[in-house]
Protein backbone atom coordinates (compact mmCIF):
# COMPACT_ATOMS: atom_id res chain seq x y z
CA MET A 1 92.54 119.49 49.71
CA ASP A 2 92.48 116.39 51.76
CA HIS A 3 88.90 115.18 51.65
CA PHE A 4 89.62 112.55 54.39
CA ALA A 5 91.33 114.97 57.00
CA ASP A 6 88.36 114.89 59.27
CA HIS A 7 87.46 111.22 58.74
CA PRO A 8 87.08 109.37 62.08
CA ILE A 9 89.33 106.57 61.05
CA LYS A 10 92.17 108.86 60.00
CA GLN A 11 91.84 110.82 63.23
CA GLU A 12 92.02 107.59 65.27
CA MET A 13 95.08 106.43 63.32
CA GLN A 14 96.73 109.79 64.05
CA VAL A 15 96.07 109.45 67.76
CA VAL A 16 97.47 105.88 67.75
CA LEU A 17 100.65 107.04 65.90
CA GLU A 18 101.16 110.01 68.29
CA LYS A 19 100.66 107.77 71.32
CA SER A 20 103.13 105.20 69.94
CA GLY A 21 105.67 107.92 69.27
CA HIS A 22 105.18 109.30 72.75
CA ASP A 23 105.61 105.76 74.36
CA GLU A 24 108.82 105.23 72.32
CA ASP A 25 110.27 108.57 73.54
CA ALA A 26 109.27 107.74 77.15
CA ASP A 27 110.86 104.30 76.90
CA LYS A 28 114.09 105.73 75.46
CA LYS A 29 114.23 108.28 78.23
CA LYS A 30 113.75 105.61 80.94
CA ARG A 31 116.36 103.40 79.24
CA ASN A 32 118.91 106.29 79.23
CA GLN A 33 118.18 106.92 82.95
CA ARG A 34 118.82 103.29 83.75
CA ILE A 35 122.13 103.39 81.88
CA ALA A 36 123.08 106.65 83.53
CA ALA A 37 122.41 105.20 86.98
CA ARG A 38 124.70 102.22 86.30
CA ILE A 39 127.50 104.41 85.00
CA ALA A 40 127.13 106.76 87.96
CA HIS A 41 127.45 103.85 90.35
CA THR A 42 130.52 102.45 88.62
CA ILE A 43 132.27 105.85 88.38
CA LEU A 44 131.48 106.78 92.06
CA THR A 45 132.63 103.44 93.35
CA ILE A 46 135.84 103.53 91.42
CA PHE A 47 136.57 107.14 92.53
CA VAL A 48 136.03 106.39 96.20
CA VAL A 49 137.84 103.06 96.15
CA PHE A 50 140.92 104.29 94.28
CA GLY A 51 140.84 107.71 96.03
CA ILE A 52 141.42 105.88 99.28
CA SER A 53 143.46 102.88 98.40
CA LEU A 54 145.98 104.76 96.32
CA ASN A 55 146.72 107.18 99.17
CA PRO A 56 150.38 106.63 100.19
CA ASN A 57 149.38 106.15 103.77
CA SER A 58 146.66 103.56 103.17
CA SER A 59 147.22 100.00 104.34
CA ILE A 60 146.41 98.65 100.84
CA TYR A 61 149.03 100.94 99.20
CA LEU A 62 151.70 100.05 101.88
CA ALA A 63 150.91 96.37 101.47
CA VAL A 64 151.28 96.42 97.74
CA THR A 65 154.41 98.59 97.65
CA ASN A 66 156.13 96.78 100.50
CA GLY A 67 154.93 93.38 99.67
CA ASN A 68 154.61 92.42 103.39
CA ASN A 69 150.90 91.55 103.45
CA ILE A 70 149.64 90.67 100.07
CA LEU A 71 146.54 88.96 101.47
CA GLU A 72 144.92 92.24 102.43
CA PRO A 73 144.81 93.78 98.95
CA ILE A 74 143.56 90.42 97.54
CA LEU A 75 140.65 90.35 99.96
CA PHE A 76 139.91 94.05 99.43
CA SER A 77 139.94 93.50 95.62
CA SER A 78 137.70 90.48 95.95
CA LEU A 79 135.24 92.49 97.97
CA ILE A 80 135.03 95.18 95.31
CA ILE A 81 134.59 92.66 92.50
CA LEU A 82 131.79 90.80 94.47
CA ALA A 83 130.01 94.18 95.12
CA PHE A 84 130.11 94.95 91.43
CA VAL A 85 128.97 91.55 90.38
CA LEU A 86 126.05 91.54 92.76
CA TYR A 87 125.07 95.09 91.74
CA PHE A 88 124.96 94.27 88.08
CA ILE A 89 123.12 90.92 88.67
CA ALA A 90 120.44 92.76 90.59
CA SER A 91 120.38 95.62 88.06
CA LEU A 92 120.32 93.65 84.85
CA MET A 93 118.48 90.53 85.90
CA ASN A 94 114.74 90.05 85.15
CA PRO A 95 113.23 90.87 88.47
CA GLY A 96 110.26 88.57 87.91
CA PHE A 97 108.23 90.24 85.17
CA VAL A 98 104.85 88.62 84.65
CA PRO A 99 104.89 87.36 81.07
CA ILE A 100 102.70 89.11 78.60
CA ILE A 101 100.28 86.43 77.35
CA ASP A 102 100.37 87.51 73.74
CA GLU A 103 104.13 88.17 73.54
CA ASP A 104 105.71 85.56 75.80
CA ALA A 105 103.70 82.51 74.84
CA GLU A 106 106.05 79.93 76.26
CA GLU A 107 106.47 81.81 79.64
CA ALA A 108 102.74 82.49 79.72
CA ASP A 109 102.14 78.79 79.98
CA ASN A 110 103.74 78.91 83.35
CA LEU A 111 101.83 82.00 84.59
CA ILE A 112 100.59 81.08 88.10
CA THR A 113 97.19 82.61 88.75
CA SER A 114 93.93 81.51 90.36
CA GLU A 115 90.28 81.90 89.45
CA ASP A 116 90.16 84.98 91.77
CA ALA A 117 93.37 86.52 90.39
CA PHE A 118 93.55 90.28 90.23
CA TYR A 119 93.50 91.93 86.95
CA CYS A 120 96.06 94.59 85.67
CA ARG A 121 94.32 97.16 83.51
CA TRP A 122 97.71 98.37 82.20
CA CYS A 123 98.97 94.96 80.98
CA ASP A 124 95.37 93.91 80.23
CA GLN A 125 95.76 90.43 81.78
CA PRO A 126 95.53 88.54 85.06
CA GLN A 127 97.99 89.54 87.78
CA PRO A 128 99.39 86.87 90.13
CA LEU A 129 99.21 87.49 93.92
CA ARG A 130 101.80 89.76 95.41
CA SER A 131 102.49 91.26 91.97
CA LYS A 132 102.29 94.92 91.20
CA HIS A 133 102.49 96.95 88.00
CA CYS A 134 105.59 99.11 87.84
CA ARG A 135 105.07 102.23 85.74
CA GLU A 136 108.79 102.79 85.36
CA CYS A 137 109.33 99.33 83.83
CA ASN A 138 105.76 99.25 82.37
CA ARG A 139 105.39 95.63 83.43
CA CYS A 140 103.84 93.76 86.35
CA VAL A 141 106.51 92.30 88.74
CA ARG A 142 106.06 89.14 90.83
CA ARG A 143 106.34 89.64 94.59
CA PHE A 144 107.02 93.31 93.90
CA ASP A 145 109.21 95.00 96.53
CA HIS A 146 110.05 98.42 94.99
CA HIS A 147 111.59 100.15 91.93
CA CYS A 148 115.12 101.10 92.74
CA PRO A 149 116.30 104.13 90.67
CA TRP A 150 119.97 103.36 91.66
CA LEU A 151 119.70 99.92 90.09
CA GLY A 152 117.62 101.10 87.23
CA ASN A 153 115.47 98.08 87.85
CA CYS A 154 112.62 96.74 89.95
CA VAL A 155 113.37 94.53 92.96
CA GLY A 156 111.11 91.53 92.71
CA GLU A 157 110.90 87.72 93.26
CA ARG A 158 113.87 86.84 91.10
CA ASN A 159 116.50 89.42 92.04
CA HIS A 160 115.60 90.35 95.63
CA ARG A 161 118.19 87.98 97.04
CA SER A 162 120.94 89.56 94.85
CA PHE A 163 119.80 93.00 95.98
CA LEU A 164 119.93 92.07 99.62
CA TYR A 165 123.45 90.38 99.25
CA PHE A 166 124.57 93.45 97.33
CA LEU A 167 123.47 95.71 100.27
CA LEU A 168 125.38 93.47 102.67
CA VAL A 169 128.62 93.41 100.73
CA GLU A 170 128.38 97.14 99.98
CA ASP A 171 127.97 97.87 103.63
CA VAL A 172 131.08 95.87 104.48
CA LEU A 173 132.98 97.64 101.67
CA ILE A 174 131.89 101.03 102.85
CA CYS A 175 132.95 100.28 106.45
CA ARG A 176 136.39 99.03 105.33
CA CYS A 177 136.92 102.09 103.11
CA LEU A 178 135.87 104.44 105.95
CA SER A 179 138.35 102.64 108.31
CA MET A 180 141.10 102.85 105.72
CA ALA A 181 140.45 106.61 105.17
CA TRP A 182 140.62 107.32 108.87
CA GLU A 183 143.93 105.44 109.15
CA SER A 184 145.34 107.27 106.06
CA VAL A 185 144.74 110.80 107.37
CA ARG A 186 148.07 112.65 107.51
CA SER A 187 148.63 115.10 110.38
CA THR A 188 149.99 118.57 109.81
CA SER A 189 150.09 121.86 111.63
CA GLN A 190 148.99 124.00 108.70
CA GLY A 191 145.37 123.95 107.61
CA ILE A 192 145.98 124.49 103.89
CA GLN A 193 148.64 121.76 103.79
CA TRP A 194 146.29 119.44 105.71
CA ILE A 195 143.62 119.90 102.98
CA GLN A 196 146.24 119.36 100.26
CA TYR A 197 147.28 116.06 101.86
CA ASN A 198 143.80 114.83 102.96
CA GLY A 199 141.36 116.67 100.66
CA ILE A 200 140.49 113.61 98.54
CA LEU A 201 140.26 111.45 101.59
CA LEU A 202 137.84 113.99 103.16
CA LEU A 203 135.67 114.05 99.94
CA CYS A 204 135.61 110.25 99.79
CA ALA A 205 134.71 110.01 103.50
CA VAL A 206 131.72 112.39 103.02
CA VAL A 207 130.44 110.21 100.11
CA LEU A 208 130.96 107.09 102.19
CA ILE A 209 129.15 108.44 105.23
CA PHE A 210 126.07 109.47 103.27
CA GLY A 211 126.15 106.30 101.14
CA GLY A 212 126.77 104.15 104.27
CA LEU A 213 123.74 105.67 106.04
CA ALA A 214 121.52 105.00 103.03
CA VAL A 215 122.81 101.41 102.46
CA THR A 216 122.71 100.50 106.15
CA SER A 217 119.16 101.83 106.52
CA LEU A 218 118.02 99.85 103.50
CA LEU A 219 119.76 96.73 104.72
CA VAL A 220 118.14 96.91 108.20
CA CYS A 221 114.71 97.61 106.66
CA HIS A 222 114.93 94.65 104.28
CA LEU A 223 116.21 92.31 106.92
CA TYR A 224 113.24 93.25 109.11
CA LEU A 225 110.73 92.79 106.27
CA ILE A 226 112.23 89.46 105.27
CA LEU A 227 112.01 88.21 108.85
CA HIS A 228 108.26 89.06 108.87
CA GLY A 229 107.57 87.71 105.36
CA MET A 230 106.65 91.03 103.79
CA THR A 231 107.80 93.22 100.91
CA THR A 232 108.38 96.96 101.09
CA TRP A 233 105.23 97.61 99.01
CA GLU A 234 103.12 95.37 101.21
CA HIS A 235 104.45 97.12 104.35
CA VAL A 236 103.90 100.68 103.03
CA SER A 237 100.54 100.04 101.34
CA HIS A 238 99.17 97.38 103.73
CA SER A 239 95.82 99.03 104.26
CA LYS A 240 95.27 99.47 100.50
CA ILE A 241 96.18 95.87 99.42
CA THR A 242 93.03 93.73 99.15
CA TYR A 243 94.47 90.42 100.35
CA LEU A 244 96.07 92.20 103.44
CA LYS A 245 93.13 94.28 104.60
CA ARG A 246 91.73 91.66 106.98
CA TRP A 247 95.20 91.15 108.61
CA PRO A 248 96.64 93.22 111.39
CA GLU A 249 98.93 96.12 110.40
CA ASP A 250 102.00 94.07 110.47
CA GLY A 251 100.31 90.75 109.65
CA THR A 252 100.48 88.80 106.44
CA PRO A 253 99.48 85.30 105.29
CA PHE A 254 103.05 84.81 104.13
CA ASN A 255 104.69 85.03 107.54
CA PHE A 256 105.94 81.49 108.39
CA GLY A 257 108.16 82.43 111.30
CA TYR A 258 111.63 83.94 111.32
CA CYS A 259 113.53 80.79 110.43
CA LYS A 260 111.27 79.59 107.61
CA ASN A 261 110.91 83.10 106.28
CA CYS A 262 114.67 83.32 105.88
CA PHE A 263 114.88 79.84 104.42
CA VAL A 264 112.17 80.64 101.85
CA PHE A 265 113.86 83.88 100.90
CA CYS A 266 117.36 82.49 100.57
CA CYS A 267 116.76 79.00 99.30
CA TYR A 268 113.51 78.98 97.19
CA CYS A 269 114.66 79.81 93.64
CA SER A 270 111.55 78.81 91.74
CA ILE A 271 108.51 81.01 91.25
CA GLN A 272 106.16 80.54 94.19
CA ASN A 273 102.38 80.06 94.01
CA TRP A 274 101.45 82.54 96.67
CA GLU A 275 97.75 82.02 96.07
CA LYS A 276 97.80 78.69 98.09
CA TYR A 277 98.56 80.66 101.29
CA VAL A 278 95.43 82.85 100.97
CA LYS A 279 92.18 80.95 101.32
CA SER A 280 89.86 83.80 100.41
CA PHE A 281 90.11 87.21 98.77
CA THR A 282 88.35 90.23 100.27
């Protein structure tokens, strides 16, 4: 018989071990979800792009086979490569995780906080202004915008630019693919034959339309928020965020005007000390 089965210390150790095992399983599940999202994006993009460009009636296919306009397939290929590069930069890049003081000693030395900094009870340490704890990533993220399941990553201070550029390039790519699909449709008098000729084009067009609506909506929303110096989280949770409560609904202490907002977003690469723009916390 185990005489220590009911000992408080042993019970506490069992709870810690169970919690640790649960956390490892949860982290593994989230890691697999992130990998699955990236694979799905890659496969879907390749299917749509090749499904349209390899159609015998597409301008890309005709340009390659006839050799009369080689510039068009080069530009189209460059657009695809650029879209992939920006996607994986935004997806794999550190979005601006606030360094854990005990683990990231070197980065923690550069942790920008103030005496009135907020405190994250999950990370158990000070939280810089405009940061938010992401439960999916289990880290606080600087100038948190949102967690994007399609990227499998947060969008924050370090990768927000890459995310916006990805949306812009992806939107252009979707429009070009839709235009190419429309031009490649083959006319025929019989319905079954029409589906045989154009079925893949139709499927790709449906994916492009729904994807285009989502990407364009995101792009417009982010451009609006960037012009007004806000993040998605600040816009949606304005009334709940302490440092924004005393500002009007669309107001923020980080709005410097359209031109400067764009300049700060596009050209400021270093981590910003947002505390200096807020004189008092309420």
